[in-house]
Every structure is written in structure tokens, then in C-alpha cells.
Amino acid sequence: MRYRTAGLGRWTLWTLAAALPLGCAALLLAWRRRRDGQYEEWWRHRERLRANGHHHDLARKGDLFV
């Protein structure tokens, strides 16, 4: 009769091997979304400053704001 010893089985190793890259990908996406959110807020603030006291005309939409 064969006795199994307590240890890591194949499923445990596969689970760990799959969980590590998925966890890293989730952290990367969370960091990227937070960074994109900050960029969007900056862009909206820029548009408010640019439009302050000016009418929106389509000819000026493509101009650079420095």
C-alpha cells in the first residue's frame, strides 16, 4: 500500500503559478487606472482654465495651451 506524505501537490503548485502573474497583472491595472484618473482630472481642469471667460469655438479646439 502506498502512503501519501503531506506536502504540496500538483494542484497547489499550479494554483500558485497561476495566482502570481494574475496578482501582478491586477496590481498593474489598478496602478494604471489610478494614474489615468489623475490625468483625466488634470485634463478637465485644463479645459476649465482654458474656457474661463472665453466662448467655446471649434476653431480654437486644436490649439495648444501653454
PDB file of N, CA and C in Angstrom:
ATOM      1  N   MET A   1       0.841  -1.165   0.000  1.00  0.00           N
ATOM      2  CA  MET A   1       0.000   0.000   0.000  1.00  0.00           C
ATOM      3  C   MET A   1       0.898   1.243   0.000  1.00  0.00           C
ATOM      4  N   ARG A   2       0.471   2.210  -0.723  1.00  0.00           N
ATOM      5  CA  ARG A   2       1.261   3.434  -0.864  1.00  0.00           C
ATOM      6  C   ARG A   2       0.676   4.538   0.016  1.00  0.00           C
ATOM      7  N   TYR A   3       1.516   5.168   0.797  1.00  0.00           N
ATOM      8  CA  TYR A   3       1.066   6.242   1.676  1.00  0.00           C
ATOM      9  C   TYR A   3       1.511   7.585   1.086  1.00  0.00           C
ATOM     10  N   ARG A   4       0.612   8.534   1.136  1.00  0.00           N
ATOM     11  CA  ARG A   4       0.958   9.881   0.655  1.00  0.00           C
ATOM     12  C   ARG A   4       1.468  10.715   1.813  1.00  0.00           C
ATOM     13  N   THR A   5       2.497  11.437   1.565  1.00  0.00           N
ATOM     14  CA  THR A   5       3.025  12.316   2.600  1.00  0.00           C
ATOM     15  C   THR A   5       2.407  13.693   2.450  1.00  0.00           C
ATOM     16  N   ALA A   6       2.359  14.395   3.526  1.00  0.00           N
ATOM     17  CA  ALA A   6       1.812  15.746   3.500  1.00  0.00           C
ATOM     18  C   ALA A   6       2.817  16.656   2.795  1.00  0.00           C
ATOM     19  N   GLY A   7       2.385  17.343   1.822  1.00  0.00           N
ATOM     20  CA  GLY A   7       3.265  18.242   1.080  1.00  0.00           C
ATOM     21  C   GLY A   7       2.473  18.966   0.007  1.00  0.00           C
ATOM     22  N   LEU A   8       3.153  19.689  -0.796  1.00  0.00           N
ATOM     23  CA  LEU A   8       2.491  20.421  -1.865  1.00  0.00           C
ATOM     24  C   LEU A   8       2.176  19.478  -3.010  1.00  0.00           C
ATOM     25  N   GLY A   9       0.939  19.479  -3.418  1.00  0.00           N
ATOM     26  CA  GLY A   9       0.539  18.648  -4.536  1.00  0.00           C
ATOM     27  C   GLY A   9       0.651  19.406  -5.839  1.00  0.00           C
ATOM     28  N   ARG A  10       0.335  18.733  -6.912  1.00  0.00           N
ATOM     29  CA  ARG A  10       0.410  19.384  -8.223  1.00  0.00           C
ATOM     30  C   ARG A  10      -0.553  20.555  -8.332  1.00  0.00           C
ATOM     31  N   TRP A  11      -1.769  20.384  -7.831  1.00  0.00           N
ATOM     32  CA  TRP A  11      -2.763  21.447  -7.951  1.00  0.00           C
ATOM     33  C   TRP A  11      -2.333  22.693  -7.192  1.00  0.00           C
ATOM     34  N   THR A  12      -1.695  22.508  -6.068  1.00  0.00           N
ATOM     35  CA  THR A  12      -1.231  23.653  -5.289  1.00  0.00           C
ATOM     36  C   THR A  12      -0.159  24.424  -6.053  1.00  0.00           C
ATOM     37  N   LEU A  13       0.759  23.714  -6.655  1.00  0.00           N
ATOM     38  CA  LEU A  13       1.814  24.389  -7.413  1.00  0.00           C
ATOM     39  C   LEU A  13       1.244  25.113  -8.630  1.00  0.00           C
ATOM     40  N   TRP A  14       0.298  24.483  -9.335  1.00  0.00           N
ATOM     41  CA  TRP A  14      -0.330  25.138 -10.484  1.00  0.00           C
ATOM     42  C   TRP A  14      -1.110  26.371 -10.042  1.00  0.00           C
ATOM     43  N   THR A  15      -1.761  26.262  -8.895  1.00  0.00           N
ATOM     44  CA  THR A  15      -2.528  27.395  -8.375  1.00  0.00           C
ATOM     45  C   THR A  15      -1.606  28.569  -8.062  1.00  0.00           C
ATOM     46  N   LEU A  16      -0.494  28.289  -7.409  1.00  0.00           N
ATOM     47  CA  LEU A  16       0.471  29.352  -7.107  1.00  0.00           C
ATOM     48  C   LEU A  16       1.072  29.940  -8.381  1.00  0.00           C
ATOM     49  N   ALA A  17       1.378  29.071  -9.329  1.00  0.00           N
ATOM     50  CA  ALA A  17       1.970  29.544 -10.584  1.00  0.00           C
ATOM     51  C   ALA A  17       0.993  30.422 -11.360  1.00  0.00           C
ATOM     52  N   ALA A  18      -0.293  30.178 -11.242  1.00  0.00           N
ATOM     53  CA  ALA A  18      -1.290  30.997 -11.934  1.00  0.00           C
ATOM     54  C   ALA A  18      -1.626  32.255 -11.144  1.00  0.00           C
ATOM     55  N   ALA A  19      -1.613  32.163  -9.821  1.00  0.00           N
ATOM     56  CA  ALA A  19      -2.019  33.292  -8.990  1.00  0.00           C
ATOM     57  C   ALA A  19      -0.999  34.427  -9.000  1.00  0.00           C
ATOM     58  N   LEU A  20       0.269  34.116  -9.050  1.00  0.00           N
ATOM     59  CA  LEU A  20       1.289  35.168  -9.014  1.00  0.00           C
ATOM     60  C   LEU A  20       1.210  36.113 -10.215  1.00  0.00           C
ATOM     61  N   PRO A  21       1.184  35.627 -11.459  1.00  0.00           N
ATOM     62  CA  PRO A  21       1.081  36.563 -12.582  1.00  0.00           C
ATOM     63  C   PRO A  21      -0.265  37.300 -12.616  1.00  0.00           C
ATOM     64  N   LEU A  22      -1.340  36.609 -12.213  1.00  0.00           N
ATOM     65  CA  LEU A  22      -2.641  37.276 -12.189  1.00  0.00           C
ATOM     66  C   LEU A  22      -2.675  38.385 -11.145  1.00  0.00           C
ATOM     67  N   GLY A  23      -2.058  38.149 -10.010  1.00  0.00           N
ATOM     68  CA  GLY A  23      -1.979  39.183  -8.978  1.00  0.00           C
ATOM     69  C   GLY A  23      -1.157  40.374  -9.439  1.00  0.00           C
ATOM     70  N   CYS A  24      -0.041  40.100 -10.099  1.00  0.00           N
ATOM     71  CA  CYS A  24       0.792  41.186 -10.637  1.00  0.00           C
ATOM     72  C   CYS A  24       0.034  41.982 -11.694  1.00  0.00           C
ATOM     73  N   ALA A  25      -0.712  41.300 -12.553  1.00  0.00           N
ATOM     74  CA  ALA A  25      -1.495  41.986 -13.578  1.00  0.00           C
ATOM     75  C   ALA A  25      -2.583  42.848 -12.944  1.00  0.00           C
ATOM     76  N   ALA A  26      -3.214  42.354 -11.896  1.00  0.00           N
ATOM     77  CA  ALA A  26      -4.254  43.130 -11.213  1.00  0.00           C
ATOM     78  C   ALA A  26      -3.661  44.386 -10.583  1.00  0.00           C
ATOM     79  N   LEU A  27      -2.496  44.258  -9.965  1.00  0.00           N
ATOM     80  CA  LEU A  27      -1.842  45.441  -9.380  1.00  0.00           C
ATOM     81  C   LEU A  27      -1.453  46.450 -10.455  1.00  0.00           C
ATOM     82  N   LEU A  28      -0.956  45.960 -11.572  1.00  0.00           N
ATOM     83  CA  LEU A  28      -0.576  46.842 -12.670  1.00  0.00           C
ATOM     84  C   LEU A  28      -1.792  47.588 -13.213  1.00  0.00           C
ATOM     85  N   LEU A  29      -2.900  46.893 -13.403  1.00  0.00           N
ATOM     86  CA  LEU A  29      -4.116  47.552 -13.897  1.00  0.00           C
ATOM     87  C   LEU A  29      -4.648  48.566 -12.903  1.00  0.00           C
ATOM     88  N   ALA A  30      -4.621  48.236 -11.615  1.00  0.00           N
ATOM     89  CA  ALA A  30      -5.090  49.183 -10.601  1.00  0.00           C
ATOM     90  C   ALA A  30      -4.219  50.435 -10.593  1.00  0.00           C
ATOM     91  N   TRP A  31      -2.902  50.265 -10.697  1.00  0.00           N
ATOM     92  CA  TRP A  31      -1.992  51.417 -10.724  1.00  0.00           C
ATOM     93  C   TRP A  31      -2.232  52.266 -11.968  1.00  0.00           C
ATOM     94  N   ARG A  32      -2.438  51.592 -13.096  1.00  0.00           N
ATOM     95  CA  ARG A  32      -2.633  52.319 -14.348  1.00  0.00           C
ATOM     96  C   ARG A  32      -3.955  53.083 -14.360  1.00  0.00           C
ATOM     97  N   ARG A  33      -5.010  52.472 -13.838  1.00  0.00           N
ATOM     98  CA  ARG A  33      -6.299  53.170 -13.777  1.00  0.00           C
ATOM     99  C   ARG A  33      -6.233  54.392 -12.872  1.00  0.00           C
ATOM    100  N   ARG A  34      -5.526  54.265 -11.749  1.00  0.00           N
ATOM    101  CA  ARG A  34      -5.396  55.406 -10.849  1.00  0.00           C
ATOM    102  C   ARG A  34      -4.627  56.531 -11.534  1.00  0.00           C
ATOM    103  N   ARG A  35      -3.583  56.165 -12.251  1.00  0.00           N
ATOM    104  CA  ARG A  35      -2.786  57.171 -12.953  1.00  0.00           C
ATOM    105  C   ARG A  35      -3.605  57.828 -14.066  1.00  0.00           C
ATOM    106  N   ASP A  36      -4.387  57.029 -14.813  1.00  0.00           N
ATOM    107  CA  ASP A  36      -5.232  57.586 -15.870  1.00  0.00           C
ATOM    108  C   ASP A  36      -6.293  58.500 -15.288  1.00  0.00           C
ATOM    109  N   GLY A  37      -6.820  58.175 -14.114  1.00  0.00           N
ATOM    110  CA  GLY A  37      -7.805  59.026 -13.459  1.00  0.00           C
ATOM    111  C   GLY A  37      -7.221  60.377 -13.103  1.00  0.00           C
ATOM    112  N   GLN A  38      -5.974  60.399 -12.659  1.00  0.00           N
ATOM    113  CA  GLN A  38      -5.315  61.658 -12.340  1.00  0.00           C
ATOM    114  C   GLN A  38      -5.113  62.480 -13.607  1.00  0.00           C
ATOM    115  N   TYR A  39      -4.781  61.813 -14.698  1.00  0.00           N
ATOM    116  CA  TYR A  39      -4.589  62.511 -15.962  1.00  0.00           C
ATOM    117  C   TYR A  39      -5.904  63.119 -16.442  1.00  0.00           C
ATOM    118  N   GLU A  40      -6.989  62.359 -16.326  1.00  0.00           N
ATOM    119  CA  GLU A  40      -8.295  62.872 -16.747  1.00  0.00           C
ATOM    120  C   GLU A  40      -8.692  64.085 -15.915  1.00  0.00           C
ATOM    121  N   GLU A  41      -8.456  64.047 -14.615  1.00  0.00           N
ATOM    122  CA  GLU A  41      -8.778  65.188 -13.753  1.00  0.00           C
ATOM    123  C   GLU A  41      -7.943  66.401 -14.158  1.00  0.00           C
ATOM    124  N   TRP A  42      -6.663  66.198 -14.463  1.00  0.00           N
ATOM    125  CA  TRP A  42      -5.813  67.303 -14.894  1.00  0.00           C
ATOM    126  C   TRP A  42      -6.328  67.880 -16.210  1.00  0.00           C
ATOM    127  N   TRP A  43      -6.748  66.995 -17.110  1.00  0.00           N
ATOM    128  CA  TRP A  43      -7.238  67.450 -18.404  1.00  0.00           C
ATOM    129  C   TRP A  43      -8.517  68.270 -18.244  1.00  0.00           C
ATOM    130  N   ARG A  44      -9.438  67.828 -17.403  1.00  0.00           N
ATOM    131  CA  ARG A  44     -10.677  68.593 -17.164  1.00  0.00           C
ATOM    132  C   ARG A  44     -10.356  69.953 -16.547  1.00  0.00           C
ATOM    133  N   HIS A  45      -9.409  69.983 -15.614  1.00  0.00           N
ATOM    134  CA  HIS A  45      -9.006  71.256 -15.002  1.00  0.00           C
ATOM    135  C   HIS A  45      -8.413  72.190 -16.054  1.00  0.00           C
ATOM    136  N   ARG A  46      -7.606  71.668 -16.952  1.00  0.00           N
ATOM    137  CA  ARG A  46      -7.004  72.442 -18.030  1.00  0.00           C
ATOM    138  C   ARG A  46      -8.083  73.027 -18.929  1.00  0.00           C
ATOM    139  N   GLU A  47      -9.092  72.214 -19.272  1.00  0.00           N
ATOM    140  CA  GLU A  47     -10.178  72.697 -20.124  1.00  0.00           C
ATOM    141  C   GLU A  47     -10.985  73.792 -19.430  1.00  0.00           C
ATOM    142  N   ARG A  48     -11.199  73.653 -18.113  1.00  0.00           N
ATOM    143  CA  ARG A  48     -11.930  74.705 -17.379  1.00  0.00           C
ATOM    144  C   ARG A  48     -11.140  76.005 -17.383  1.00  0.00           C
ATOM    145  N   LEU A  49      -9.816  75.919 -17.161  1.00  0.00           N
ATOM    146  CA  LEU A  49      -8.996  77.126 -17.185  1.00  0.00           C
ATOM    147  C   LEU A  49      -8.984  77.766 -18.573  1.00  0.00           C
ATOM    148  N   ARG A  50      -8.920  76.931 -19.561  1.00  0.00           N
ATOM    149  CA  ARG A  50      -8.857  77.416 -20.933  1.00  0.00           C
ATOM    150  C   ARG A  50     -10.159  78.092 -21.348  1.00  0.00           C
ATOM    151  N   ALA A  51     -11.283  77.550 -20.877  1.00  0.00           N
ATOM    152  CA  ALA A  51     -12.585  78.073 -21.262  1.00  0.00           C
ATOM    153  C   ALA A  51     -13.037  79.226 -20.361  1.00  0.00           C
ATOM    154  N   ASN A  52     -12.312  79.515 -19.324  1.00  0.00           N
ATOM    155  CA  ASN A  52     -12.713  80.550 -18.384  1.00  0.00           C
ATOM    156  C   ASN A  52     -12.730  81.920 -19.073  1.00  0.00           C
ATOM    157  N   GLY A  53     -13.917  82.464 -19.227  1.00  0.00           N
ATOM    158  CA  GLY A  53     -14.051  83.772 -19.845  1.00  0.00           C
ATOM    159  C   GLY A  53     -14.042  83.745 -21.350  1.00  0.00           C
ATOM    160  N   HIS A  54     -13.938  82.631 -21.973  1.00  0.00           N
ATOM    161  CA  HIS A  54     -13.922  82.518 -23.419  1.00  0.00           C
ATOM    162  C   HIS A  54     -15.088  81.653 -23.869  1.00  0.00           C
ATOM    163  N   HIS A  55     -15.553  81.931 -25.026  1.00  0.00           N
ATOM    164  CA  HIS A  55     -16.590  81.085 -25.601  1.00  0.00           C
ATOM    165  C   HIS A  55     -15.923  79.917 -26.303  1.00  0.00           C
ATOM    166  N   HIS A  56     -16.608  78.796 -26.280  1.00  0.00           N
ATOM    167  CA  HIS A  56     -16.077  77.619 -26.970  1.00  0.00           C
ATOM    168  C   HIS A  56     -16.287  77.784 -28.465  1.00  0.00           C
ATOM    169  N   ASP A  57     -15.228  77.928 -29.193  1.00  0.00           N
ATOM    170  CA  ASP A  57     -15.355  77.927 -30.644  1.00  0.00           C
ATOM    171  C   ASP A  57     -14.524  76.764 -31.173  1.00  0.00           C
ATOM    172  N   LEU A  58     -15.052  76.142 -32.198  1.00  0.00           N
ATOM    173  CA  LEU A  58     -14.437  74.931 -32.717  1.00  0.00           C
ATOM    174  C   LEU A  58     -13.076  75.195 -33.356  1.00  0.00           C
ATOM    175  N   ALA A  59     -12.840  76.417 -33.825  1.00  0.00           N
ATOM    176  CA  ALA A  59     -11.568  76.734 -34.473  1.00  0.00           C
ATOM    177  C   ALA A  59     -10.421  76.671 -33.463  1.00  0.00           C
ATOM    178  N   ARG A  60     -10.685  76.995 -32.194  1.00  0.00           N
ATOM    179  CA  ARG A  60      -9.623  77.015 -31.189  1.00  0.00           C
ATOM    180  C   ARG A  60      -9.452  75.682 -30.490  1.00  0.00           C
ATOM    181  N   LYS A  61     -10.269  74.700 -30.781  1.00  0.00           N
ATOM    182  CA  LYS A  61     -10.195  73.428 -30.090  1.00  0.00           C
ATOM    183  C   LYS A  61      -8.839  72.748 -30.237  1.00  0.00           C
ATOM    184  N   GLY A  62      -8.206  72.878 -31.388  1.00  0.00           N
ATOM    185  CA  GLY A  62      -6.954  72.188 -31.639  1.00  0.00           C
ATOM    186  C   GLY A  62      -5.727  72.959 -31.201  1.00  0.00           C
ATOM    187  N   ASP A  63      -5.894  74.195 -30.732  1.00  0.00           N
ATOM    188  CA  ASP A  63      -4.742  74.996 -30.320  1.00  0.00           C
ATOM    189  C   ASP A  63      -4.087  74.405 -29.076  1.00  0.00           C
ATOM    190  N   LEU A  64      -2.787  74.619 -28.971  1.00  0.00           N
ATOM    191  CA  LEU A  64      -2.087  74.184 -27.772  1.00  0.00           C
ATOM    192  C   LEU A  64      -2.253  75.218 -26.683  1.00  0.00           C
ATOM    193  N   PHE A  65      -2.349  74.749 -25.469  1.00  0.00           N
ATOM    194  CA  PHE A  65      -2.452  75.620 -24.313  1.00  0.00           C
ATOM    195  C   PHE A  65      -1.139  75.515 -23.539  1.00  0.00           C
ATOM    196  N   VAL A  66      -0.440  76.619 -23.414  1.00  0.00           N
ATOM    197  CA  VAL A  66       0.848  76.606 -22.731  1.00  0.00           C
ATOM    198  C   VAL A  66       0.760  77.408 -21.468  1.00  0.00           C
TER     199      VAL A  66
END
